PDB file of all heavy atoms in Angstrom:
ATOM      1  N   VAL A   1       0.808  -1.225  -0.006  1.00  0.00           N
ATOM      2  CA  VAL A   1       0.005   0.016   0.028  1.00  0.00           C
ATOM      3  C   VAL A   1       0.851   1.279  -0.044  1.00  0.00           C
ATOM      4  O   VAL A   1       0.724   2.121  -0.834  1.00  0.00           O
ATOM      5  CB  VAL A   1      -0.949   0.029   1.224  1.00  0.00           C
ATOM      6  CG1 VAL A   1      -1.752   1.326   1.244  1.00  0.00           C
ATOM      7  CG2 VAL A   1      -1.905  -1.152   1.173  1.00  0.00           C
ATOM      8  N   ALA A   2       1.756   1.345   0.940  1.00  0.00           N
ATOM      9  CA  ALA A   2       2.613   2.549   1.122  1.00  0.00           C
ATOM     10  C   ALA A   2       3.780   2.230   1.975  1.00  0.00           C
ATOM     11  O   ALA A   2       3.783   1.312   2.708  1.00  0.00           O
ATOM     12  CB  ALA A   2       1.762   3.710   1.646  1.00  0.00           C
ATOM     13  N   ALA A   3       4.813   3.083   1.826  1.00  0.00           N
ATOM     14  CA  ALA A   3       6.019   2.973   2.701  1.00  0.00           C
ATOM     15  C   ALA A   3       6.589   4.313   2.990  1.00  0.00           C
ATOM     16  O   ALA A   3       6.353   5.257   2.297  1.00  0.00           O
ATOM     17  CB  ALA A   3       7.065   2.122   1.972  1.00  0.00           C
ATOM     18  N   ILE A   4       7.353   4.383   4.061  1.00  0.00           N
ATOM     19  CA  ILE A   4       7.943   5.634   4.474  1.00  0.00           C
ATOM     20  C   ILE A   4       9.326   5.330   5.128  1.00  0.00           C
ATOM     21  O   ILE A   4       9.499   4.377   5.830  1.00  0.00           O
ATOM     22  CB  ILE A   4       7.079   6.385   5.459  1.00  0.00           C
ATOM     23  CG1 ILE A   4       7.652   7.784   5.862  1.00  0.00           C
ATOM     24  CG2 ILE A   4       6.838   5.529   6.789  1.00  0.00           C
ATOM     25  CD1 ILE A   4       6.617   8.686   6.638  1.00  0.00           C
ATOM     26  N   SER A   5      10.340   6.198   4.810  1.00  0.00           N
ATOM     27  CA  SER A   5      11.640   6.013   5.302  1.00  0.00           C
ATOM     28  C   SER A   5      11.741   6.317   6.792  1.00  0.00           C
ATOM     29  O   SER A   5      10.800   6.933   7.331  1.00  0.00           O
ATOM     30  CB  SER A   5      12.635   6.791   4.542  1.00  0.00           C
ATOM     31  OG  SER A   5      12.370   8.176   4.623  1.00  0.00           O
ATOM     32  N   TRP A   6      12.809   5.942   7.428  1.00  0.00           N
ATOM     33  CA  TRP A   6      12.931   6.089   8.887  1.00  0.00           C
ATOM     34  C   TRP A   6      12.782   7.542   9.338  1.00  0.00           C
ATOM     35  O   TRP A   6      12.215   7.808  10.418  1.00  0.00           O
ATOM     36  CB  TRP A   6      14.271   5.538   9.387  1.00  0.00           C
ATOM     37  CG  TRP A   6      15.462   6.321   8.897  1.00  0.00           C
ATOM     38  CD1 TRP A   6      16.203   6.120   7.766  1.00  0.00           C
ATOM     39  CD2 TRP A   6      16.067   7.425   9.571  1.00  0.00           C
ATOM     40  NE1 TRP A   6      17.239   7.020   7.687  1.00  0.00           N
ATOM     41  CE2 TRP A   6      17.178   7.834   8.787  1.00  0.00           C
ATOM     42  CE3 TRP A   6      15.789   8.114  10.749  1.00  0.00           C
ATOM     43  CZ2 TRP A   6      18.006   8.881   9.168  1.00  0.00           C
ATOM     44  CZ3 TRP A   6      16.627   9.168  11.137  1.00  0.00           C
ATOM     45  CH2 TRP A   6      17.709   9.539  10.329  1.00  0.00           C
ATOM     46  N   GLY A   7      13.249   8.492   8.517  1.00  0.00           N
ATOM     47  CA  GLY A   7      13.153   9.921   8.930  1.00  0.00           C
ATOM     48  C   GLY A   7      11.890  10.579   8.320  1.00  0.00           C
ATOM     49  O   GLY A   7      11.710  11.762   8.607  1.00  0.00           O
ATOM     50  N   GLY A   8      11.129   9.883   7.522  1.00  0.00           N
ATOM     51  CA  GLY A   8       9.960  10.430   6.924  1.00  0.00           C
ATOM     52  C   GLY A   8      10.189  11.239   5.656  1.00  0.00           C
ATOM     53  O   GLY A   8       9.221  11.806   5.098  1.00  0.00           O
ATOM     54  N   GLY A   9      11.398  11.214   5.121  1.00  0.00           N
ATOM     55  CA  GLY A   9      11.764  12.009   3.908  1.00  0.00           C
ATOM     56  C   GLY A   9      11.437  11.367   2.630  1.00  0.00           C
ATOM     57  O   GLY A   9      11.325  12.048   1.591  1.00  0.00           O
ATOM     58  N   SER A  10      11.172  10.037   2.598  1.00  0.00           N
ATOM     59  CA  SER A  10      10.870   9.362   1.372  1.00  0.00           C
ATOM     60  C   SER A  10       9.565   8.616   1.496  1.00  0.00           C
ATOM     61  O   SER A  10       9.347   7.894   2.490  1.00  0.00           O
ATOM     62  CB  SER A  10      11.946   8.346   1.003  1.00  0.00           C
ATOM     63  OG  SER A  10      13.192   9.022   0.790  1.00  0.00           O
ATOM     64  N   LEU A  11       8.611   8.852   0.569  1.00  0.00           N
ATOM     65  CA  LEU A  11       7.304   8.263   0.615  1.00  0.00           C
ATOM     66  C   LEU A  11       7.051   7.487  -0.637  1.00  0.00           C
ATOM     67  O   LEU A  11       7.430   7.927  -1.725  1.00  0.00           O
ATOM     68  CB  LEU A  11       6.215   9.334   0.793  1.00  0.00           C
ATOM     69  CG  LEU A  11       6.437  10.307   1.925  1.00  0.00           C
ATOM     70  CD1 LEU A  11       5.309  11.381   1.847  1.00  0.00           C
ATOM     71  CD2 LEU A  11       6.419   9.605   3.295  1.00  0.00           C
ATOM     72  N   TYR A  12       6.398   6.341  -0.518  1.00  0.00           N
ATOM     73  CA  TYR A  12       6.085   5.513  -1.717  1.00  0.00           C
ATOM     74  C   TYR A  12       4.630   5.019  -1.615  1.00  0.00           C
ATOM     75  O   TYR A  12       4.147   4.688  -0.497  1.00  0.00           O
ATOM     76  CB  TYR A  12       7.020   4.322  -1.754  1.00  0.00           C
ATOM     77  CG  TYR A  12       8.480   4.736  -1.738  1.00  0.00           C
ATOM     78  CD1 TYR A  12       9.163   4.849  -0.526  1.00  0.00           C
ATOM     79  CD2 TYR A  12       9.163   4.953  -2.891  1.00  0.00           C
ATOM     80  CE1 TYR A  12      10.507   5.195  -0.509  1.00  0.00           C
ATOM     81  CE2 TYR A  12      10.505   5.356  -2.895  1.00  0.00           C
ATOM     82  CZ  TYR A  12      11.159   5.397  -1.709  1.00  0.00           C
ATOM     83  OH  TYR A  12      12.486   5.815  -1.683  1.00  0.00           O
ATOM     84  N   TYR A  13       3.945   4.940  -2.739  1.00  0.00           N
ATOM     85  CA  TYR A  13       2.554   4.549  -2.721  1.00  0.00           C
ATOM     86  C   TYR A  13       2.254   3.614  -3.880  1.00  0.00           C
ATOM     87  O   TYR A  13       2.832   3.800  -4.951  1.00  0.00           O
ATOM     88  CB  TYR A  13       1.636   5.770  -2.871  1.00  0.00           C
ATOM     89  CG  TYR A  13       1.646   6.710  -1.729  1.00  0.00           C
ATOM     90  CD1 TYR A  13       2.438   7.878  -1.840  1.00  0.00           C
ATOM     91  CD2 TYR A  13       0.976   6.485  -0.537  1.00  0.00           C
ATOM     92  CE1 TYR A  13       2.500   8.795  -0.732  1.00  0.00           C
ATOM     93  CE2 TYR A  13       0.998   7.359   0.493  1.00  0.00           C
ATOM     94  CZ  TYR A  13       1.812   8.506   0.460  1.00  0.00           C
ATOM     95  OH  TYR A  13       1.828   9.413   1.468  1.00  0.00           O
ATOM     96  N   ALA A  14       1.386   2.703  -3.627  1.00  0.00           N
ATOM     97  CA  ALA A  14       0.848   1.877  -4.695  1.00  0.00           C
ATOM     98  C   ALA A  14      -0.030   2.769  -5.643  1.00  0.00           C
ATOM     99  O   ALA A  14      -0.726   3.709  -5.111  1.00  0.00           O
ATOM    100  CB  ALA A  14       0.019   0.730  -4.160  1.00  0.00           C
ATOM    101  N   ASP A  15      -0.084   2.446  -6.905  1.00  0.00           N
ATOM    102  CA  ASP A  15      -0.855   3.293  -7.842  1.00  0.00           C
ATOM    103  C   ASP A  15      -2.349   3.416  -7.438  1.00  0.00           C
ATOM    104  O   ASP A  15      -2.905   4.436  -7.613  1.00  0.00           O
ATOM    105  CB  ASP A  15      -0.734   2.705  -9.254  1.00  0.00           C
ATOM    106  CG  ASP A  15       0.623   2.933  -9.826  1.00  0.00           C
ATOM    107  OD1 ASP A  15       1.372   3.799  -9.345  1.00  0.00           O
ATOM    108  OD2 ASP A  15       0.979   2.229 -10.827  1.00  0.00           O
ATOM    109  N   PHE A  16      -2.931   2.350  -6.899  1.00  0.00           N
ATOM    110  CA  PHE A  16      -4.354   2.382  -6.603  1.00  0.00           C
ATOM    111  C   PHE A  16      -4.721   3.194  -5.416  1.00  0.00           C
ATOM    112  O   PHE A  16      -5.896   3.404  -5.197  1.00  0.00           O
ATOM    113  CB  PHE A  16      -4.817   0.924  -6.464  1.00  0.00           C
ATOM    114  CG  PHE A  16      -4.179   0.141  -5.359  1.00  0.00           C
ATOM    115  CD1 PHE A  16      -4.550   0.243  -4.043  1.00  0.00           C
ATOM    116  CD2 PHE A  16      -3.171  -0.775  -5.708  1.00  0.00           C
ATOM    117  CE1 PHE A  16      -3.952  -0.512  -3.083  1.00  0.00           C
ATOM    118  CE2 PHE A  16      -2.578  -1.513  -4.725  1.00  0.00           C
ATOM    119  CZ  PHE A  16      -2.902  -1.375  -3.407  1.00  0.00           C
ATOM    120  N   VAL A  17      -3.725   3.773  -4.659  1.00  0.00           N
ATOM    121  CA  VAL A  17      -4.062   4.616  -3.495  1.00  0.00           C
ATOM    122  C   VAL A  17      -3.540   5.991  -3.669  1.00  0.00           C
ATOM    123  O   VAL A  17      -3.824   6.859  -2.823  1.00  0.00           O
ATOM    124  CB  VAL A  17      -3.633   3.993  -2.221  1.00  0.00           C
ATOM    125  CG1 VAL A  17      -4.269   2.632  -1.945  1.00  0.00           C
ATOM    126  CG2 VAL A  17      -2.076   3.945  -2.151  1.00  0.00           C
ATOM    127  N   LYS A  18      -2.771   6.327  -4.727  1.00  0.00           N
ATOM    128  CA  LYS A  18      -2.221   7.593  -4.886  1.00  0.00           C
ATOM    129  C   LYS A  18      -3.314   8.667  -4.986  1.00  0.00           C
ATOM    130  O   LYS A  18      -4.289   8.526  -5.710  1.00  0.00           O
ATOM    131  CB  LYS A  18      -1.317   7.680  -6.173  1.00  0.00           C
ATOM    132  CG  LYS A  18      -0.001   6.982  -5.992  1.00  0.00           C
ATOM    133  CD  LYS A  18       0.802   7.126  -7.246  1.00  0.00           C
ATOM    134  CE  LYS A  18       2.194   6.459  -7.044  1.00  0.00           C
ATOM    135  NZ  LYS A  18       3.025   6.550  -8.279  1.00  0.00           N
ATOM    136  N   GLY A  19      -3.138   9.704  -4.197  1.00  0.00           N
ATOM    137  CA  GLY A  19      -4.160  10.822  -4.205  1.00  0.00           C
ATOM    138  C   GLY A  19      -5.224  10.587  -3.171  1.00  0.00           C
ATOM    139  O   GLY A  19      -5.990  11.497  -2.883  1.00  0.00           O
ATOM    140  N   ARG A  20      -5.264   9.415  -2.611  1.00  0.00           N
ATOM    141  CA  ARG A  20      -6.311   9.094  -1.638  1.00  0.00           C
ATOM    142  C   ARG A  20      -5.734   8.829  -0.205  1.00  0.00           C
ATOM    143  O   ARG A  20      -6.308   9.200   0.799  1.00  0.00           O
ATOM    144  CB  ARG A  20      -7.204   7.934  -2.039  1.00  0.00           C
ATOM    145  CG  ARG A  20      -7.933   8.151  -3.317  1.00  0.00           C
ATOM    146  CD  ARG A  20      -8.982   7.071  -3.545  1.00  0.00           C
ATOM    147  NE  ARG A  20      -8.333   5.723  -3.648  1.00  0.00           N
ATOM    148  CZ  ARG A  20      -8.658   4.670  -2.924  1.00  0.00           C
ATOM    149  NH1 ARG A  20      -9.594   4.782  -1.980  1.00  0.00           N
ATOM    150  NH2 ARG A  20      -8.084   3.548  -3.145  1.00  0.00           N
ATOM    151  N   PHE A  21      -4.605   8.076  -0.183  1.00  0.00           N
ATOM    152  CA  PHE A  21      -4.031   7.699   1.036  1.00  0.00           C
ATOM    153  C   PHE A  21      -2.716   8.528   1.304  1.00  0.00           C
ATOM    154  O   PHE A  21      -2.082   8.933   0.374  1.00  0.00           O
ATOM    155  CB  PHE A  21      -3.640   6.229   1.082  1.00  0.00           C
ATOM    156  CG  PHE A  21      -4.794   5.281   1.044  1.00  0.00           C
ATOM    157  CD1 PHE A  21      -6.090   5.729   0.923  1.00  0.00           C
ATOM    158  CD2 PHE A  21      -4.571   3.898   1.196  1.00  0.00           C
ATOM    159  CE1 PHE A  21      -7.134   4.870   0.903  1.00  0.00           C
ATOM    160  CE2 PHE A  21      -5.614   3.017   1.227  1.00  0.00           C
ATOM    161  CZ  PHE A  21      -6.897   3.446   1.057  1.00  0.00           C
ATOM    162  N   ALA A  22      -2.377   8.641   2.554  1.00  0.00           N
ATOM    163  CA  ALA A  22      -1.180   9.413   2.948  1.00  0.00           C
ATOM    164  C   ALA A  22      -0.475   8.629   4.127  1.00  0.00           C
ATOM    165  O   ALA A  22      -1.148   8.424   5.121  1.00  0.00           O
ATOM    166  CB  ALA A  22      -1.417  10.836   3.250  1.00  0.00           C
ATOM    167  N   ILE A  23       0.777   8.328   3.942  1.00  0.00           N
ATOM    168  CA  ILE A  23       1.565   7.702   5.025  1.00  0.00           C
ATOM    169  C   ILE A  23       2.366   8.781   5.709  1.00  0.00           C
ATOM    170  O   ILE A  23       2.939   9.716   5.025  1.00  0.00           O
ATOM    171  CB  ILE A  23       2.406   6.555   4.498  1.00  0.00           C
ATOM    172  CG1 ILE A  23       3.055   5.804   5.690  1.00  0.00           C
ATOM    173  CG2 ILE A  23       3.456   7.061   3.503  1.00  0.00           C
ATOM    174  CD1 ILE A  23       3.729   4.534   5.233  1.00  0.00           C
ATOM    175  N   SER A  24       2.491   8.734   7.023  1.00  0.00           N
ATOM    176  CA  SER A  24       3.308   9.679   7.783  1.00  0.00           C
ATOM    177  C   SER A  24       3.767   8.985   9.055  1.00  0.00           C
ATOM    178  O   SER A  24       3.382   7.848   9.368  1.00  0.00           O
ATOM    179  CB  SER A  24       2.464  10.934   8.103  1.00  0.00           C
ATOM    180  OG  SER A  24       1.335  10.560   8.978  1.00  0.00           O
ATOM    181  N   ARG A  25       4.617   9.652   9.780  1.00  0.00           N
ATOM    182  CA  ARG A  25       5.142   9.082  11.001  1.00  0.00           C
ATOM    183  C   ARG A  25       5.494  10.187  11.973  1.00  0.00           C
ATOM    184  O   ARG A  25       5.829  11.265  11.619  1.00  0.00           O
ATOM    185  CB  ARG A  25       6.344   8.151  10.739  1.00  0.00           C
ATOM    186  CG  ARG A  25       7.651   8.865  10.312  1.00  0.00           C
ATOM    187  CD  ARG A  25       8.680   7.803   9.826  1.00  0.00           C
ATOM    188  NE  ARG A  25       8.936   6.807  10.849  1.00  0.00           N
ATOM    189  CZ  ARG A  25       9.533   5.638  10.587  1.00  0.00           C
ATOM    190  NH1 ARG A  25       9.845   5.305   9.369  1.00  0.00           N
ATOM    191  NH2 ARG A  25       9.745   4.810  11.573  1.00  0.00           N
ATOM    192  N   ASP A  26       5.414   9.863  13.223  1.00  0.00           N
ATOM    193  CA  ASP A  26       5.851  10.734  14.359  1.00  0.00           C
ATOM    194  C   ASP A  26       6.794   9.891  15.173  1.00  0.00           C
ATOM    195  O   ASP A  26       6.383   9.104  16.032  1.00  0.00           O
ATOM    196  CB  ASP A  26       4.652  11.198  15.119  1.00  0.00           C
ATOM    197  CG  ASP A  26       4.989  12.233  16.144  1.00  0.00           C
ATOM    198  OD1 ASP A  26       6.225  12.363  16.552  1.00  0.00           O
ATOM    199  OD2 ASP A  26       4.138  12.917  16.667  1.00  0.00           O
ATOM    200  N   ASN A  27       8.096  10.094  14.980  1.00  0.00           N
ATOM    201  CA  ASN A  27       9.074   9.225  15.689  1.00  0.00           C
ATOM    202  C   ASN A  27       9.127   9.533  17.180  1.00  0.00           C
ATOM    203  O   ASN A  27       9.478   8.667  17.963  1.00  0.00           O
ATOM    204  CB  ASN A  27      10.475   9.382  15.047  1.00  0.00           C
ATOM    205  CG  ASN A  27      10.576   8.782  13.717  1.00  0.00           C
ATOM    206  OD1 ASN A  27       9.776   7.885  13.323  1.00  0.00           O
ATOM    207  ND2 ASN A  27      11.570   9.176  12.901  1.00  0.00           N
ATOM    208  N   ALA A  28       8.727  10.751  17.558  1.00  0.00           N
ATOM    209  CA  ALA A  28       8.707  11.037  18.945  1.00  0.00           C
ATOM    210  C   ALA A  28       7.653  10.268  19.675  1.00  0.00           C
ATOM    211  O   ALA A  28       7.790   9.953  20.879  1.00  0.00           O
ATOM    212  CB  ALA A  28       8.419  12.547  19.180  1.00  0.00           C
ATOM    213  N   LYS A  29       6.583   9.811  18.948  1.00  0.00           N
ATOM    214  CA  LYS A  29       5.542   9.004  19.492  1.00  0.00           C
ATOM    215  C   LYS A  29       5.645   7.562  19.057  1.00  0.00           C
ATOM    216  O   LYS A  29       4.806   6.715  19.457  1.00  0.00           O
ATOM    217  CB  LYS A  29       4.199   9.567  19.032  1.00  0.00           C
ATOM    218  CG  LYS A  29       3.863  10.888  19.554  1.00  0.00           C
ATOM    219  CD  LYS A  29       2.447  11.366  19.124  1.00  0.00           C
ATOM    220  CE  LYS A  29       2.116  12.725  19.682  1.00  0.00           C
ATOM    221  NZ  LYS A  29       0.784  13.157  19.263  1.00  0.00           N
ATOM    222  N   ASN A  30       6.728   7.236  18.354  1.00  0.00           N
ATOM    223  CA  ASN A  30       6.972   5.873  17.863  1.00  0.00           C
ATOM    224  C   ASN A  30       5.808   5.325  17.124  1.00  0.00           C
ATOM    225  O   ASN A  30       5.399   4.146  17.320  1.00  0.00           O
ATOM    226  CB  ASN A  30       7.328   4.908  19.086  1.00  0.00           C
ATOM    227  CG  ASN A  30       8.538   5.376  19.837  1.00  0.00           C
ATOM    228  OD1 ASN A  30       9.569   5.695  19.264  1.00  0.00           O
ATOM    229  ND2 ASN A  30       8.393   5.475  21.201  1.00  0.00           N
ATOM    230  N   THR A  31       5.238   6.092  16.260  1.00  0.00           N
ATOM    231  CA  THR A  31       3.981   5.760  15.610  1.00  0.00           C
ATOM    232  C   THR A  31       4.024   6.099  14.117  1.00  0.00           C
ATOM    233  O   THR A  31       4.558   7.161  13.745  1.00  0.00           O
ATOM    234  CB  THR A  31       2.785   6.477  16.236  1.00  0.00           C
ATOM    235  OG1 THR A  31       2.749   6.148  17.610  1.00  0.00           O
ATOM    236  CG2 THR A  31       1.491   6.038  15.563  1.00  0.00           C
ATOM    237  N   VAL A  32       3.542   5.207  13.256  1.00  0.00           N
ATOM    238  CA  VAL A  32       3.373   5.380  11.850  1.00  0.00           C
ATOM    239  C   VAL A  32       1.798   5.415  11.547  1.00  0.00           C
ATOM    240  O   VAL A  32       1.081   4.696  12.179  1.00  0.00           O
ATOM    241  CB  VAL A  32       4.049   4.267  11.065  1.00  0.00           C
ATOM    242  CG1 VAL A  32       3.823   4.502   9.568  1.00  0.00           C
ATOM    243  CG2 VAL A  32       5.505   4.259  11.380  1.00  0.00           C
ATOM    244  N   TYR A  33       1.436   6.327  10.673  1.00  0.00           N
ATOM    245  CA  TYR A  33       0.035   6.470  10.341  1.00  0.00           C
ATOM    246  C   TYR A  33      -0.227   6.214   8.856  1.00  0.00           C
ATOM    247  O   TYR A  33       0.632   6.332   8.002  1.00  0.00           O
ATOM    248  CB  TYR A  33      -0.418   7.916  10.660  1.00  0.00           C
ATOM    249  CG  TYR A  33      -0.112   8.353  12.051  1.00  0.00           C
ATOM    250  CD1 TYR A  33       1.019   9.081  12.382  1.00  0.00           C
ATOM    251  CD2 TYR A  33      -0.984   8.074  13.114  1.00  0.00           C
ATOM    252  CE1 TYR A  33       1.290   9.511  13.647  1.00  0.00           C
ATOM    253  CE2 TYR A  33      -0.751   8.477  14.425  1.00  0.00           C
ATOM    254  CZ  TYR A  33       0.389   9.174  14.635  1.00  0.00           C
ATOM    255  OH  TYR A  33       0.645   9.582  15.936  1.00  0.00           O
ATOM    256  N   LEU A  34      -1.478   5.852   8.590  1.00  0.00           N
ATOM    257  CA  LEU A  34      -1.957   5.755   7.228  1.00  0.00           C
ATOM    258  C   LEU A  34      -3.359   6.442   7.224  1.00  0.00           C
ATOM    259  O   LEU A  34      -4.323   5.921   7.763  1.00  0.00           O
ATOM    260  CB  LEU A  34      -2.158   4.339   6.732  1.00  0.00           C
ATOM    261  CG  LEU A  34      -2.558   4.176   5.328  1.00  0.00           C
ATOM    262  CD1 LEU A  34      -1.481   4.617   4.357  1.00  0.00           C
ATOM    263  CD2 LEU A  34      -2.962   2.689   5.030  1.00  0.00           C
ATOM    264  N   GLN A  35      -3.430   7.650   6.660  1.00  0.00           N
ATOM    265  CA  GLN A  35      -4.608   8.406   6.457  1.00  0.00           C
ATOM    266  C   GLN A  35      -5.279   7.963   5.208  1.00  0.00           C
ATOM    267  O   GLN A  35      -4.655   8.018   4.124  1.00  0.00           O
ATOM    268  CB  GLN A  35      -4.353   9.875   6.392  1.00  0.00           C
ATOM    269  CG  GLN A  35      -5.570  10.735   6.220  1.00  0.00           C
ATOM    270  CD  GLN A  35      -6.502  10.684   7.381  1.00  0.00           C
ATOM    271  OE1 GLN A  35      -6.083  10.819   8.541  1.00  0.00           O
ATOM    272  NE2 GLN A  35      -7.805  10.532   7.076  1.00  0.00           N
ATOM    273  N   MET A  36      -6.445   7.480   5.294  1.00  0.00           N
ATOM    274  CA  MET A  36      -7.169   6.938   4.146  1.00  0.00           C
ATOM    275  C   MET A  36      -8.440   7.775   3.883  1.00  0.00           C
ATOM    276  O   MET A  36      -9.327   7.887   4.698  1.00  0.00           O
ATOM    277  CB  MET A  36      -7.612   5.445   4.372  1.00  0.00           C
ATOM    278  CG  MET A  36      -6.401   4.530   4.652  1.00  0.00           C
ATOM    279  SD  MET A  36      -6.829   2.800   4.813  1.00  0.00           S
ATOM    280  CE  MET A  36      -7.891   2.861   6.253  1.00  0.00           C
ATOM    281  N   ASN A  37      -8.495   8.377   2.738  1.00  0.00           N
ATOM    282  CA  ASN A  37      -9.572   9.214   2.318  1.00  0.00           C
ATOM    283  C   ASN A  37     -10.241   8.642   1.063  1.00  0.00           C
ATOM    284  O   ASN A  37      -9.703   7.846   0.366  1.00  0.00           O
ATOM    285  CB  ASN A  37      -9.180  10.632   2.051  1.00  0.00           C
ATOM    286  CG  ASN A  37      -8.492  11.301   3.248  1.00  0.00           C
ATOM    287  OD1 ASN A  37      -8.962  11.164   4.361  1.00  0.00           O
ATOM    288  ND2 ASN A  37      -7.440  12.070   2.993  1.00  0.00           N
ATOM    289  N   SER A  38     -11.522   9.077   0.812  1.00  0.00           N
ATOM    290  CA  SER A  38     -12.221   8.646  -0.388  1.00  0.00           C
ATOM    291  C   SER A  38     -12.202   7.133  -0.514  1.00  0.00           C
ATOM    292  O   SER A  38     -11.978   6.533  -1.551  1.00  0.00           O
ATOM    293  CB  SER A  38     -11.619   9.271  -1.623  1.00  0.00           C
ATOM    294  OG  SER A  38     -11.685  10.690  -1.584  1.00  0.00           O
ATOM    295  N   LEU A  39     -12.524   6.449   0.602  1.00  0.00           N
ATOM    296  CA  LEU A  39     -12.443   5.056   0.629  1.00  0.00           C
ATOM    297  C   LEU A  39     -13.509   4.368  -0.293  1.00  0.00           C
ATOM    298  O   LEU A  39     -14.594   4.896  -0.453  1.00  0.00           O
ATOM    299  CB  LEU A  39     -12.664   4.540   2.071  1.00  0.00           C
ATOM    300  CG  LEU A  39     -11.430   4.667   2.986  1.00  0.00           C
ATOM    301  CD1 LEU A  39     -11.850   4.610   4.455  1.00  0.00           C
ATOM    302  CD2 LEU A  39     -10.420   3.630   2.611  1.00  0.00           C
ATOM    303  N   LYS A  40     -13.048   3.243  -0.896  1.00  0.00           N
ATOM    304  CA  LYS A  40     -13.907   2.518  -1.778  1.00  0.00           C
ATOM    305  C   LYS A  40     -14.156   1.153  -1.263  1.00  0.00           C
ATOM    306  O   LYS A  40     -13.334   0.640  -0.440  1.00  0.00           O
ATOM    307  CB  LYS A  40     -13.199   2.390  -3.126  1.00  0.00           C
ATOM    308  CG  LYS A  40     -12.779   3.711  -3.749  1.00  0.00           C
ATOM    309  CD  LYS A  40     -12.003   3.461  -5.014  1.00  0.00           C
ATOM    310  CE  LYS A  40     -11.566   4.800  -5.682  1.00  0.00           C
ATOM    311  NZ  LYS A  40     -10.721   4.574  -6.892  1.00  0.00           N
ATOM    312  N   PRO A  41     -15.221   0.450  -1.604  1.00  0.00           N
ATOM    313  CA  PRO A  41     -15.484  -0.908  -1.168  1.00  0.00           C
ATOM    314  C   PRO A  41     -14.362  -1.846  -1.450  1.00  0.00           C
ATOM    315  O   PRO A  41     -14.052  -2.743  -0.652  1.00  0.00           O
ATOM    316  CB  PRO A  41     -16.742  -1.342  -1.936  1.00  0.00           C
ATOM    317  CG  PRO A  41     -17.437  -0.056  -2.137  1.00  0.00           C
ATOM    318  CD  PRO A  41     -16.424   0.976  -2.382  1.00  0.00           C
ATOM    319  N   GLU A  42     -13.602  -1.630  -2.543  1.00  0.00           N
ATOM    320  CA  GLU A  42     -12.480  -2.458  -2.823  1.00  0.00           C
ATOM    321  C   GLU A  42     -11.226  -2.242  -1.948  1.00  0.00           C
ATOM    322  O   GLU A  42     -10.265  -2.997  -2.027  1.00  0.00           O
ATOM    323  CB  GLU A  42     -12.005  -2.301  -4.318  1.00  0.00           C
ATOM    324  CG  GLU A  42     -11.842  -0.872  -4.755  1.00  0.00           C
ATOM    325  CD  GLU A  42     -13.056  -0.296  -5.446  1.00  0.00           C
ATOM    326  OE1 GLU A  42     -14.190  -0.484  -4.972  1.00  0.00           O
ATOM    327  OE2 GLU A  42     -12.852   0.364  -6.440  1.00  0.00           O
ATOM    328  N   ASP A  43     -11.340  -1.273  -1.055  1.00  0.00           N
ATOM    329  CA  ASP A  43     -10.319  -1.023  -0.055  1.00  0.00           C
ATOM    330  C   ASP A  43     -10.453  -1.957   1.144  1.00  0.00           C
ATOM    331  O   ASP A  43      -9.618  -2.028   2.031  1.00  0.00           O
ATOM    332  CB  ASP A  43     -10.273   0.395   0.437  1.00  0.00           C
ATOM    333  CG  ASP A  43      -9.853   1.400  -0.700  1.00  0.00           C
ATOM    334  OD1 ASP A  43      -8.924   1.044  -1.443  1.00  0.00           O
ATOM    335  OD2 ASP A  43     -10.446   2.478  -0.759  1.00  0.00           O
ATOM    336  N   THR A  44     -11.594  -2.653   1.181  1.00  0.00           N
ATOM    337  CA  THR A  44     -11.851  -3.565   2.297  1.00  0.00           C
ATOM    338  C   THR A  44     -10.806  -4.652   2.371  1.00  0.00           C
ATOM    339  O   THR A  44     -10.543  -5.337   1.427  1.00  0.00           O
ATOM    340  CB  THR A  44     -13.250  -4.154   2.177  1.00  0.00           C
ATOM    341  OG1 THR A  44     -14.252  -3.167   2.249  1.00  0.00           O
ATOM    342  CG2 THR A  44     -13.521  -5.198   3.270  1.00  0.00           C
TER     343      THR A  44
END
C-alpha cells in the first residue's frame, strides 16, 4: 500500500491509492500512520 523511510523524507505509494491515502510518522511518538480518504469498497 505505502512505505515511509525512517526519517519520513521518502514516501512510496501503490498506484491504486495515490491521491487518496497518505503515510506519515511521528518518531517522537513511535507511531506510523496511514490516512485513508475517499475510501472505496475495494479497499476492504
